[in-house]
Structures are given as C-alpha cells and as structure tokens.
Amino acid sequence: MPDISTTMIIVLCAAAAAAGWIDAVVGGGGLLLLPALLLGLPNAQPAAVLGTNKAVAIVGTAGAAVTYARKTAVDVKLAVRIGLAALAGSMGGAALAGGISKDAMRPLIMGVLVVVAAVVIFKPGFGAAPSASPVSRNRVLLTIALAGLGIGCYDGLIGPGTGTFLVLALTALLHLDLVTASATAKIVNCCTNAGALAMFAYQGMVFWQLAALMAVFNLTGGMVGARMALKKGSGFVRGVLLTVVGALVVKLGLEQWG
C-alpha cells in the first residue's frame, strides 16, 4: 500500500461507498472516485491511479449488476455482446493511458459532463419509459460499435463517466427506460472494467491493498444504490443524474479556474 495517512484512507473509503451508490443508480461513480484517488495519491503515476480506480470499481459494479439482474428484465445476451466489444475497447484505451496527464484529465471530464447535462435537461422525457417498437439489427450493431468499442476505449483511457455514457447510449439507441439501461450498463461496465484492469495489472499499475479495502465499501454502496433505483424508478435516476453532473461540473470548474 502507498504511504498514505489513516485519515485519507477513511476519506477514500467513504468516497468509494458514495461512488458505488452513484454508479449503481446512474453510472459515473468514477467521477467522484477518481478525483478522490488523485487527491489521496498525489505522487502516484496517473496510470497507477486509474488502475487502482478500476480494481475498486469492478467490485461495486459487479455487485450492482447482480442486484439488477435479480430484480429486472435485462437482455443479458445483448449486454454481454456489447460488453465483449467494450472489453476490447477498454484494453486498447488502457494501453494508451500512460500518456494521459492529470492536467489533461480535468478539462476532458468537464466537457463530457456538460454534454451529458444538456441531453438530460433538454429532453425531459428521455428514458422515462421504454419504446414499444422493436429495435432493428442495424441499431443493435451501432450500439455494439458506439457503446461497446467507443465507450469501452474511453473507459480504459480515462474512465470517469463511463457508466453514465453507457446509460445515455443504451437509452438513446435501444430505446430503454433509464432503470433498464442502468441495469444493462452494469453488465457492460463489468466487461470494460475487467479489460482495463487486466491491462493495468499487467503493467503493474494497481495498488492492490488499498483497492481491496476500498472495494468493500464500493460494493456496499453499489448494492444499496441498485436497490434504490429499482424501487424508485426512472424519475429518481434522472434526478440523481442531473444532481451529480451539476455538482461535479461546478467542482471541476473551480479546481480548473478557481
């Protein structure tokens, strides 16, 4: 484990629990967890921070995926197909991650957050209910390419917001409601996390002891968040999404220009 104070370990564990909850409800827990790790590990290589983030996140994501699969109708076969493409994309992105600096991460994350907020705000009915129309084969292939390879590559390269982007892509392309999209995204996200984690582990870029401790809290937060999303529905998910995105845009903006 890196040289880190007890107080900071407690802060990181609390951030892991909160990130697990956020990630299960709407995705994007890494937008909280990654900045926390950057703060707690100021002298670590960016790739090591990203690798540790993946080792933590995969546990909470898997727990949320299992919780969703038990309670809602998820097309597991389709999710796995998208997930396999995402796994390949995330491994490619992780292989390139060593060249990403901490200074470059912040404005990139801010930009994608603003896009997410705009989509949700200006389309209030977005993800409120699933479409009754069947999804064409071409649209499924497009989803595999964009939500699989494309977002998977982003996940391995940068990471934060992957779950949120998956939820948005699955809702827009497959016409799912937000709860079902969140459930499907968890399965896909497990694959992207696994691919990226395998690459980071191969490169020796994971603080395993710290990740194992934080993962316990991330798992707890993820399972609680999944249960709440299932109970409260798409309106609750949309509200959490806007709240999280707005708060993080303000936070990152102050860090960048404050």
C-alpha atoms as a PDB file:
ATOM      1  CA  MET A   1       0.000   0.000   0.000  1.00  0.00           C
ATOM      2  CA  PRO A   2       1.329   3.504  -0.788  1.00  0.00           C
ATOM      3  CA  ASP A   3       2.355   5.844   2.024  1.00  0.00           C
ATOM      4  CA  ILE A   4      -0.983   7.386   2.999  1.00  0.00           C
ATOM      5  CA  SER A   5      -2.452   8.661   6.270  1.00  0.00           C
ATOM      6  CA  THR A   6      -5.242   6.933   8.181  1.00  0.00           C
ATOM      7  CA  THR A   7      -7.447   9.988   7.718  1.00  0.00           C
ATOM      8  CA  MET A   8      -7.013   9.867   3.960  1.00  0.00           C
ATOM      9  CA  ILE A   9      -7.772   6.135   3.896  1.00  0.00           C
ATOM     10  CA  ILE A  10     -11.054   6.856   5.696  1.00  0.00           C
ATOM     11  CA  VAL A  11     -11.853   9.623   3.198  1.00  0.00           C
ATOM     12  CA  LEU A  12     -11.097   7.308   0.275  1.00  0.00           C
ATOM     13  CA  CYS A  13     -13.287   4.538   1.694  1.00  0.00           C
ATOM     14  CA  ALA A  14     -16.170   6.987   2.157  1.00  0.00           C
ATOM     15  CA  ALA A  15     -15.671   8.197  -1.422  1.00  0.00           C
ATOM     16  CA  ALA A  16     -15.684   4.584  -2.619  1.00  0.00           C
ATOM     17  CA  ALA A  17     -19.027   3.919  -0.898  1.00  0.00           C
ATOM     18  CA  ALA A  18     -20.589   7.083  -2.333  1.00  0.00           C
ATOM     19  CA  ALA A  19     -19.181   6.339  -5.776  1.00  0.00           C
ATOM     20  CA  GLY A  20     -20.599   2.809  -5.658  1.00  0.00           C
ATOM     21  CA  TRP A  21     -24.052   4.203  -4.859  1.00  0.00           C
ATOM     22  CA  ILE A  22     -23.871   6.798  -7.644  1.00  0.00           C
ATOM     23  CA  ASP A  23     -22.531   4.285 -10.147  1.00  0.00           C
ATOM     24  CA  ALA A  24     -25.318   1.816  -9.435  1.00  0.00           C
ATOM     25  CA  VAL A  25     -28.073   4.418  -9.751  1.00  0.00           C
ATOM     26  CA  VAL A  26     -26.949   6.260 -12.853  1.00  0.00           C
ATOM     27  CA  GLY A  27     -23.307   5.471 -13.609  1.00  0.00           C
ATOM     28  CA  GLY A  28     -20.369   7.816 -13.328  1.00  0.00           C
ATOM     29  CA  GLY A  29     -19.148   6.866  -9.867  1.00  0.00           C
ATOM     30  CA  GLY A  30     -15.623   7.255 -11.179  1.00  0.00           C
ATOM     31  CA  LEU A  31     -16.258  10.982 -11.470  1.00  0.00           C
ATOM     32  CA  LEU A  32     -16.159  11.008  -7.669  1.00  0.00           C
ATOM     33  CA  LEU A  33     -13.752   8.139  -7.058  1.00  0.00           C
ATOM     34  CA  LEU A  34     -11.012   9.159  -9.499  1.00  0.00           C
ATOM     35  CA  PRO A  35     -10.642  12.750  -8.213  1.00  0.00           C
ATOM     36  CA  ALA A  36     -10.568  11.344  -4.660  1.00  0.00           C
ATOM     37  CA  LEU A  37      -7.738   8.978  -5.621  1.00  0.00           C
ATOM     38  CA  LEU A  38      -5.874  11.785  -7.381  1.00  0.00           C
ATOM     39  CA  LEU A  39      -6.137  13.804  -4.168  1.00  0.00           C
ATOM     40  CA  GLY A  40      -5.145  10.897  -1.923  1.00  0.00           C
ATOM     41  CA  LEU A  41      -2.255   9.716  -4.112  1.00  0.00           C
ATOM     42  CA  PRO A  42      -0.694  12.984  -5.306  1.00  0.00           C
ATOM     43  CA  ASN A  43       2.694  11.433  -6.098  1.00  0.00           C
ATOM     44  CA  ALA A  44       1.432   8.336  -7.920  1.00  0.00           C
ATOM     45  CA  GLN A  45       1.608   7.902 -11.670  1.00  0.00           C
ATOM     46  CA  PRO A  46      -1.714   8.678 -13.373  1.00  0.00           C
ATOM     47  CA  ALA A  47      -1.838   5.146 -14.791  1.00  0.00           C
ATOM     48  CA  ALA A  48      -1.495   3.692 -11.260  1.00  0.00           C
ATOM     49  CA  VAL A  49      -4.367   5.883 -10.056  1.00  0.00           C
ATOM     50  CA  LEU A  50      -6.507   4.737 -12.983  1.00  0.00           C
ATOM     51  CA  GLY A  51      -5.596   1.097 -12.364  1.00  0.00           C
ATOM     52  CA  THR A  52      -6.485   1.301  -8.685  1.00  0.00           C
ATOM     53  CA  ASN A  53      -9.751   3.001  -9.603  1.00  0.00           C
ATOM     54  CA  LYS A  54     -10.607   0.060 -11.889  1.00  0.00           C
ATOM     55  CA  ALA A  55      -9.762  -2.521  -9.213  1.00  0.00           C
ATOM     56  CA  VAL A  56     -12.177  -0.801  -6.829  1.00  0.00           C
ATOM     57  CA  ALA A  57     -14.932  -0.082  -9.337  1.00  0.00           C
ATOM     58  CA  ILE A  58     -15.207  -3.571 -10.800  1.00  0.00           C
ATOM     59  CA  VAL A  59     -16.303  -4.984  -7.437  1.00  0.00           C
ATOM     60  CA  GLY A  60     -19.102  -2.461  -6.871  1.00  0.00           C
ATOM     61  CA  THR A  61     -20.226  -2.687 -10.489  1.00  0.00           C
ATOM     62  CA  ALA A  62     -20.435  -6.480 -10.307  1.00  0.00           C
ATOM     63  CA  GLY A  63     -22.482  -6.298  -7.107  1.00  0.00           C
ATOM     64  CA  ALA A  64     -24.887  -3.797  -8.669  1.00  0.00           C
ATOM     65  CA  ALA A  65     -25.171  -5.910 -11.828  1.00  0.00           C
ATOM     66  CA  VAL A  66     -26.164  -8.983  -9.818  1.00  0.00           C
ATOM     67  CA  THR A  67     -28.716  -6.965  -7.834  1.00  0.00           C
ATOM     68  CA  TYR A  68     -30.293  -5.574 -11.015  1.00  0.00           C
ATOM     69  CA  ALA A  69     -30.308  -8.951 -12.790  1.00  0.00           C
ATOM     70  CA  ARG A  70     -32.300 -10.483  -9.934  1.00  0.00           C
ATOM     71  CA  LYS A  71     -34.968  -7.779  -9.941  1.00  0.00           C
ATOM     72  CA  THR A  72     -35.483  -6.538 -13.505  1.00  0.00           C
ATOM     73  CA  ALA A  73     -35.723  -7.868 -17.055  1.00  0.00           C
ATOM     74  CA  VAL A  74     -32.330  -7.441 -18.687  1.00  0.00           C
ATOM     75  CA  ASP A  75     -31.313  -8.773 -22.101  1.00  0.00           C
ATOM     76  CA  VAL A  76     -28.186 -10.440 -20.760  1.00  0.00           C
ATOM     77  CA  LYS A  77     -27.198 -11.866 -24.150  1.00  0.00           C
ATOM     78  CA  LEU A  78     -27.194  -8.426 -25.776  1.00  0.00           C
ATOM     79  CA  ALA A  79     -25.450  -6.871 -22.771  1.00  0.00           C
ATOM     80  CA  VAL A  80     -22.672  -9.457 -22.997  1.00  0.00           C
ATOM     81  CA  ARG A  81     -22.238  -8.826 -26.736  1.00  0.00           C
ATOM     82  CA  ILE A  82     -21.861  -5.116 -26.109  1.00  0.00           C
ATOM     83  CA  GLY A  83     -19.654  -5.903 -23.134  1.00  0.00           C
ATOM     84  CA  LEU A  84     -17.229  -8.053 -25.142  1.00  0.00           C
ATOM     85  CA  ALA A  85     -16.772  -5.222 -27.625  1.00  0.00           C
ATOM     86  CA  ALA A  86     -16.329  -2.841 -24.694  1.00  0.00           C
ATOM     87  CA  LEU A  87     -13.725  -5.140 -23.141  1.00  0.00           C
ATOM     88  CA  ALA A  88     -11.643  -4.985 -26.310  1.00  0.00           C
ATOM     89  CA  GLY A  89     -12.049  -1.217 -26.454  1.00  0.00           C
ATOM     90  CA  SER A  90     -11.109  -0.733 -22.810  1.00  0.00           C
ATOM     91  CA  MET A  91      -7.936  -2.809 -23.163  1.00  0.00           C
ATOM     92  CA  GLY A  92      -6.896  -0.644 -26.095  1.00  0.00           C
ATOM     93  CA  GLY A  93      -7.655   2.523 -24.165  1.00  0.00           C
ATOM     94  CA  ALA A  94      -5.778   1.307 -21.089  1.00  0.00           C
ATOM     95  CA  ALA A  95      -2.729   0.569 -23.223  1.00  0.00           C
ATOM     96  CA  LEU A  96      -2.674   4.268 -24.181  1.00  0.00           C
ATOM     97  CA  ALA A  97      -3.444   5.617 -20.705  1.00  0.00           C
ATOM     98  CA  GLY A  98       0.166   6.055 -19.631  1.00  0.00           C
ATOM     99  CA  GLY A  99       0.384   9.126 -21.856  1.00  0.00           C
ATOM    100  CA  ILE A 100      -2.539  10.927 -20.156  1.00  0.00           C
ATOM    101  CA  SER A 101      -1.533  13.552 -17.588  1.00  0.00           C
ATOM    102  CA  LYS A 102      -3.588  14.650 -14.586  1.00  0.00           C
ATOM    103  CA  ASP A 103      -3.856  18.157 -16.036  1.00  0.00           C
ATOM    104  CA  ALA A 104      -5.351  16.773 -19.230  1.00  0.00           C
ATOM    105  CA  MET A 105      -7.985  14.705 -17.431  1.00  0.00           C
ATOM    106  CA  ARG A 106      -9.909  17.551 -15.806  1.00  0.00           C
ATOM    107  CA  PRO A 107     -10.992  19.567 -18.879  1.00  0.00           C
ATOM    108  CA  LEU A 108     -11.815  16.365 -20.775  1.00  0.00           C
ATOM    109  CA  ILE A 109     -14.092  15.188 -17.973  1.00  0.00           C
ATOM    110  CA  MET A 110     -15.730  18.621 -17.733  1.00  0.00           C
ATOM    111  CA  GLY A 111     -16.514  18.653 -21.428  1.00  0.00           C
ATOM    112  CA  VAL A 112     -18.258  15.302 -21.441  1.00  0.00           C
ATOM    113  CA  LEU A 113     -20.188  16.211 -18.297  1.00  0.00           C
ATOM    114  CA  VAL A 114     -21.638  19.309 -19.925  1.00  0.00           C
ATOM    115  CA  VAL A 115     -22.800  17.194 -22.881  1.00  0.00           C
ATOM    116  CA  VAL A 116     -24.471  14.716 -20.509  1.00  0.00           C
ATOM    117  CA  ALA A 117     -26.276  17.502 -18.644  1.00  0.00           C
ATOM    118  CA  ALA A 118     -27.504  19.115 -21.865  1.00  0.00           C
ATOM    119  CA  VAL A 119     -29.003  15.874 -23.160  1.00  0.00           C
ATOM    120  CA  VAL A 120     -30.900  15.168 -19.942  1.00  0.00           C
ATOM    121  CA  ILE A 121     -32.102  18.756 -19.364  1.00  0.00           C
ATOM    122  CA  PHE A 122     -33.378  19.429 -22.871  1.00  0.00           C
ATOM    123  CA  LYS A 123     -35.065  16.037 -23.237  1.00  0.00           C
ATOM    124  CA  PRO A 124     -37.170  15.718 -20.052  1.00  0.00           C
ATOM    125  CA  GLY A 125     -38.917  12.604 -21.349  1.00  0.00           C
ATOM    126  CA  PHE A 126     -35.610  10.907 -22.080  1.00  0.00           C
ATOM    127  CA  GLY A 127     -35.650   7.401 -20.598  1.00  0.00           C
ATOM    128  CA  ALA A 128     -38.994   7.821 -18.864  1.00  0.00           C
ATOM    129  CA  ALA A 129     -40.440   4.684 -20.473  1.00  0.00           C
ATOM    130  CA  PRO A 130     -39.231   2.035 -22.925  1.00  0.00           C
ATOM    131  CA  SER A 131     -40.288   2.145 -26.567  1.00  0.00           C
ATOM    132  CA  ALA A 132     -42.816  -0.430 -27.733  1.00  0.00           C
ATOM    133  CA  SER A 133     -41.158  -0.656 -31.165  1.00  0.00           C
ATOM    134  CA  PRO A 134     -38.647  -3.459 -31.798  1.00  0.00           C
ATOM    135  CA  VAL A 135     -35.017  -2.468 -32.246  1.00  0.00           C
ATOM    136  CA  SER A 136     -33.524  -3.172 -35.683  1.00  0.00           C
ATOM    137  CA  ARG A 137     -30.426  -5.299 -36.228  1.00  0.00           C
ATOM    138  CA  ASN A 138     -28.538  -2.277 -37.608  1.00  0.00           C
ATOM    139  CA  ARG A 139     -29.311  -0.307 -34.469  1.00  0.00           C
ATOM    140  CA  VAL A 140     -28.023  -3.180 -32.324  1.00  0.00           C
ATOM    141  CA  LEU A 141     -24.793  -3.260 -34.356  1.00  0.00           C
ATOM    142  CA  LEU A 142     -24.464   0.515 -33.993  1.00  0.00           C
ATOM    143  CA  THR A 143     -24.914   0.143 -30.234  1.00  0.00           C
ATOM    144  CA  ILE A 144     -22.210  -2.522 -30.097  1.00  0.00           C
ATOM    145  CA  ALA A 145     -19.843  -0.216 -32.010  1.00  0.00           C
ATOM    146  CA  LEU A 146     -20.567   3.000 -30.117  1.00  0.00           C
ATOM    147  CA  ALA A 147     -21.480   1.796 -26.638  1.00  0.00           C
ATOM    148  CA  GLY A 148     -19.103  -1.141 -26.872  1.00  0.00           C
ATOM    149  CA  LEU A 149     -15.903  -0.255 -28.669  1.00  0.00           C
ATOM    150  CA  GLY A 150     -16.195   3.526 -28.395  1.00  0.00           C
ATOM    151  CA  ILE A 151     -17.182   3.964 -24.764  1.00  0.00           C
ATOM    152  CA  GLY A 152     -15.040   0.975 -23.826  1.00  0.00           C
ATOM    153  CA  CYS A 153     -11.973   2.717 -25.251  1.00  0.00           C
ATOM    154  CA  TYR A 154     -12.860   5.871 -23.302  1.00  0.00           C
ATOM    155  CA  ASP A 155     -13.197   3.786 -20.141  1.00  0.00           C
ATOM    156  CA  GLY A 156      -9.740   2.319 -20.467  1.00  0.00           C
ATOM    157  CA  LEU A 157      -8.181   5.637 -21.465  1.00  0.00           C
ATOM    158  CA  ILE A 158      -9.812   7.977 -18.921  1.00  0.00           C
ATOM    159  CA  GLY A 159     -12.639   6.144 -17.128  1.00  0.00           C
ATOM    160  CA  PRO A 160     -14.889   8.546 -15.189  1.00  0.00           C
ATOM    161  CA  GLY A 161     -18.413   8.844 -16.547  1.00  0.00           C
ATOM    162  CA  THR A 162     -18.348   5.552 -18.456  1.00  0.00           C
ATOM    163  CA  GLY A 163     -21.429   4.201 -16.701  1.00  0.00           C
ATOM    164  CA  THR A 164     -23.313   7.444 -17.333  1.00  0.00           C
ATOM    165  CA  PHE A 165     -22.385   7.449 -21.018  1.00  0.00           C
ATOM    166  CA  LEU A 166     -23.437   3.824 -21.315  1.00  0.00           C
ATOM    167  CA  VAL A 167     -26.821   4.607 -19.754  1.00  0.00           C
ATOM    168  CA  LEU A 168     -27.335   7.504 -22.168  1.00  0.00           C
ATOM    169  CA  ALA A 169     -26.215   5.490 -25.195  1.00  0.00           C
ATOM    170  CA  LEU A 170     -28.344   2.465 -24.338  1.00  0.00           C
ATOM    171  CA  THR A 171     -31.379   4.652 -23.679  1.00  0.00           C
ATOM    172  CA  ALA A 172     -30.954   6.596 -26.917  1.00  0.00           C
ATOM    173  CA  LEU A 173     -30.003   3.722 -29.222  1.00  0.00           C
ATOM    174  CA  LEU A 174     -32.046   0.831 -27.819  1.00  0.00           C
ATOM    175  CA  HIS A 175     -34.977   2.944 -26.500  1.00  0.00           C
ATOM    176  CA  LEU A 176     -34.706   1.537 -22.979  1.00  0.00           C
ATOM    177  CA  ASP A 177     -36.047   3.245 -19.868  1.00  0.00           C
ATOM    178  CA  LEU A 178     -33.367   4.603 -17.530  1.00  0.00           C
ATOM    179  CA  VAL A 179     -33.675   1.811 -14.964  1.00  0.00           C
ATOM    180  CA  THR A 180     -33.288  -0.967 -17.547  1.00  0.00           C
ATOM    181  CA  ALA A 181     -30.487   0.979 -19.230  1.00  0.00           C
ATOM    182  CA  SER A 182     -28.712   1.268 -15.867  1.00  0.00           C
ATOM    183  CA  ALA A 183     -29.075  -2.466 -15.303  1.00  0.00           C
ATOM    184  CA  THR A 184     -27.723  -3.277 -18.774  1.00  0.00           C
ATOM    185  CA  ALA A 185     -24.902  -0.766 -18.385  1.00  0.00           C
ATOM    186  CA  LYS A 186     -23.705  -2.507 -15.231  1.00  0.00           C
ATOM    187  CA  ILE A 187     -23.101  -5.750 -17.149  1.00  0.00           C
ATOM    188  CA  VAL A 188     -21.299  -3.901 -19.942  1.00  0.00           C
ATOM    189  CA  ASN A 189     -19.309  -1.876 -17.421  1.00  0.00           C
ATOM    190  CA  CYS A 190     -18.115  -5.060 -15.721  1.00  0.00           C
ATOM    191  CA  CYS A 191     -16.545  -6.058 -19.031  1.00  0.00           C
ATOM    192  CA  THR A 192     -14.883  -2.680 -19.620  1.00  0.00           C
ATOM    193  CA  ASN A 193     -13.533  -2.657 -16.078  1.00  0.00           C
ATOM    194  CA  ALA A 194     -12.183  -6.185 -16.491  1.00  0.00           C
ATOM    195  CA  GLY A 195     -10.423  -5.354 -19.749  1.00  0.00           C
ATOM    196  CA  ALA A 196      -8.842  -2.167 -18.437  1.00  0.00           C
ATOM    197  CA  LEU A 197      -7.918  -3.767 -15.110  1.00  0.00           C
ATOM    198  CA  ALA A 198      -6.193  -6.668 -16.864  1.00  0.00           C
ATOM    199  CA  MET A 199      -4.021  -4.231 -18.808  1.00  0.00           C
ATOM    200  CA  PHE A 200      -3.200  -2.086 -15.757  1.00  0.00           C
ATOM    201  CA  ALA A 201      -2.387  -5.199 -13.715  1.00  0.00           C
ATOM    202  CA  TYR A 202      -0.083  -6.451 -16.477  1.00  0.00           C
ATOM    203  CA  GLN A 203       1.704  -3.092 -16.356  1.00  0.00           C
ATOM    204  CA  GLY A 204       1.980  -3.267 -12.543  1.00  0.00           C
ATOM    205  CA  MET A 205      -0.176  -0.165 -12.182  1.00  0.00           C
ATOM    206  CA  VAL A 206      -2.547  -1.185  -9.340  1.00  0.00           C
ATOM    207  CA  PHE A 207      -2.231  -0.569  -5.580  1.00  0.00           C
ATOM    208  CA  TRP A 208      -3.917  -3.842  -4.649  1.00  0.00           C
ATOM    209  CA  GLN A 209      -4.081  -3.489  -0.849  1.00  0.00           C
ATOM    210  CA  LEU A 210      -5.674  -0.059  -0.990  1.00  0.00           C
ATOM    211  CA  ALA A 211      -8.016  -1.207  -3.767  1.00  0.00           C
ATOM    212  CA  ALA A 212      -9.168  -4.256  -1.778  1.00  0.00           C
ATOM    213  CA  LEU A 213     -10.080  -2.123   1.240  1.00  0.00           C
ATOM    214  CA  MET A 214     -11.930   0.478  -0.809  1.00  0.00           C
ATOM    215  CA  ALA A 215     -13.710  -2.221  -2.836  1.00  0.00           C
ATOM    216  CA  VAL A 216     -15.592  -3.433   0.243  1.00  0.00           C
ATOM    217  CA  PHE A 217     -17.162   0.000   0.646  1.00  0.00           C
ATOM    218  CA  ASN A 218     -17.756   0.368  -3.096  1.00  0.00           C
ATOM    219  CA  LEU A 219     -19.601  -2.957  -3.174  1.00  0.00           C
ATOM    220  CA  THR A 220     -21.858  -1.941  -0.289  1.00  0.00           C
ATOM    221  CA  GLY A 221     -22.691   1.393  -1.913  1.00  0.00           C
ATOM    222  CA  GLY A 222     -23.364  -0.265  -5.267  1.00  0.00           C
ATOM    223  CA  MET A 223     -25.822  -2.813  -3.920  1.00  0.00           C
ATOM    224  CA  VAL A 224     -27.711  -0.190  -1.908  1.00  0.00           C
ATOM    225  CA  GLY A 225     -27.862   2.129  -4.931  1.00  0.00           C
ATOM    226  CA  ALA A 226     -29.196  -0.598  -7.246  1.00  0.00           C
ATOM    227  CA  ARG A 227     -31.991  -1.445  -4.810  1.00  0.00           C
ATOM    228  CA  MET A 228     -32.986   2.219  -4.502  1.00  0.00           C
ATOM    229  CA  ALA A 229     -33.043   2.713  -8.290  1.00  0.00           C
ATOM    230  CA  LEU A 230     -35.260  -0.353  -8.750  1.00  0.00           C
ATOM    231  CA  LYS A 231     -37.618   0.803  -6.026  1.00  0.00           C
ATOM    232  CA  LYS A 232     -37.923   4.476  -7.018  1.00  0.00           C
ATOM    233  CA  GLY A 233     -37.835   4.231 -10.833  1.00  0.00           C
ATOM    234  CA  SER A 234     -36.620   6.340 -13.771  1.00  0.00           C
ATOM    235  CA  GLY A 235     -37.617   9.724 -12.329  1.00  0.00           C
ATOM    236  CA  PHE A 236     -35.345   9.143  -9.348  1.00  0.00           C
ATOM    237  CA  VAL A 237     -32.497   8.050 -11.632  1.00  0.00           C
ATOM    238  CA  ARG A 238     -32.873  11.172 -13.765  1.00  0.00           C
ATOM    239  CA  GLY A 239     -32.812  13.428 -10.694  1.00  0.00           C
ATOM    240  CA  VAL A 240     -29.661  11.794  -9.354  1.00  0.00           C
ATOM    241  CA  LEU A 241     -28.025  12.079 -12.775  1.00  0.00           C
ATOM    242  CA  LEU A 242     -28.640  15.830 -13.014  1.00  0.00           C
ATOM    243  CA  THR A 243     -27.575  16.434  -9.410  1.00  0.00           C
ATOM    244  CA  VAL A 244     -24.331  14.508  -9.789  1.00  0.00           C
ATOM    245  CA  VAL A 245     -23.431  16.044 -13.129  1.00  0.00           C
ATOM    246  CA  GLY A 246     -24.172  19.595 -11.958  1.00  0.00           C
ATOM    247  CA  ALA A 247     -22.183  19.247  -8.748  1.00  0.00           C
ATOM    248  CA  LEU A 248     -19.189  17.754 -10.499  1.00  0.00           C
ATOM    249  CA  VAL A 249     -19.127  20.387 -13.254  1.00  0.00           C
ATOM    250  CA  VAL A 250     -19.022  23.107 -10.576  1.00  0.00           C
ATOM    251  CA  LYS A 251     -16.367  21.255  -8.577  1.00  0.00           C
ATOM    252  CA  LEU A 252     -14.081  20.613 -11.524  1.00  0.00           C
ATOM    253  CA  GLY A 253     -14.588  24.146 -12.819  1.00  0.00           C
ATOM    254  CA  LEU A 254     -13.469  25.626  -9.518  1.00  0.00           C
ATOM    255  CA  GLU A 255     -10.422  23.357  -9.492  1.00  0.00           C
ATOM    256  CA  GLN A 256      -9.536  24.316 -13.053  1.00  0.00           C
ATOM    257  CA  TRP A 257     -10.084  28.062 -12.902  1.00  0.00           C
ATOM    258  CA  GLY A 258     -10.687  28.927  -9.222  1.00  0.00           C
END
